[in-house]
Every structure is written in structure tokens, then in C-alpha cells.
């Protein structure tokens, strides 16, 4: 069973690059980096799944050049005003539970970092520890390690 998992909520590539040092430390320690993101704009026809896949690939390429690799990006393409209720859209925990099952992750040894309360709520629903940061706040490696140790 994989013991380590770090999930990030919808990383803005330019904003996220300031986090590359912290993410590299976690990646180098064997943590999986998984993106968990609501993408209701797909249901609202604001962009396509292909556009999102291209954005994710760009993010993967930029981070890979810095020695950081993401394991997977899960996204919910639903929007409550168009698609109705679903189990994957945060604050529900469906995407996290899928990642946990797919990658044999121990939720008790995992953390989700997000910039919205619904991210932490989704984490709690999956038995994962959550860290809430401001949208422009840098991820704290020390805080991640502290939360994982608690």
C-alpha cells in the first residue's frame, strides 16, 4: 500500500510555480501529487475536456522540467445548475475516494491542500487531513509535515 499522498486543488500554473520547491521536497520524499479540481465550466460549456487536458499537460510539462511529477489529475465536470447533484463535486469526497481506491492510498497518511473550505470538507469526508491556504499563499512544506505527523 502506498503510504503517502498529497493532493492539490486546481493549481494555477503561474501561481503554483512558486510552490515548486515545496512540492519537489514532497515528491522527492515519495509523496504522490494528485490534483483534485471542480471544473463546472465544462458543464456550462465555457471550455471543453480537451482544453482542460491541454492545460493539465502544460502544467505537467512545466513541473516535470523542475523535477516534479504529478500522479494524476481528477476533475469533476459537473455543475449543480446544469448537471444536478453528483458524488464527485467538492465538497463531496468522490474524487478523493477514487484516488484512494485507484492508488491504494492510506487516507490517514495523506493531506489535501486547498484554497477553499470545500476542499478541506472533501478531504475530511474521505478521512484525509486538510490544509486551507489563501489562493495566493505559498504551500508550507513544514505545515504539510506537521499536519501529516498529527
Foldseek 3Di string as FASTA:
>chain_A
DQEAEEEEEDDDLVLCVVQLVLQQVCVVVPYAYEYQYEACCCLVVVDHPVVVVVVVVVSQVVSVVVVHHHPYYDYHNHDCVRRNDDQRDFLHQVVVVVVCVVVVYDQLQYEYEYQDPRRQSNSVNVSHHYDHDHSNDHDDSVVSVVRSVD
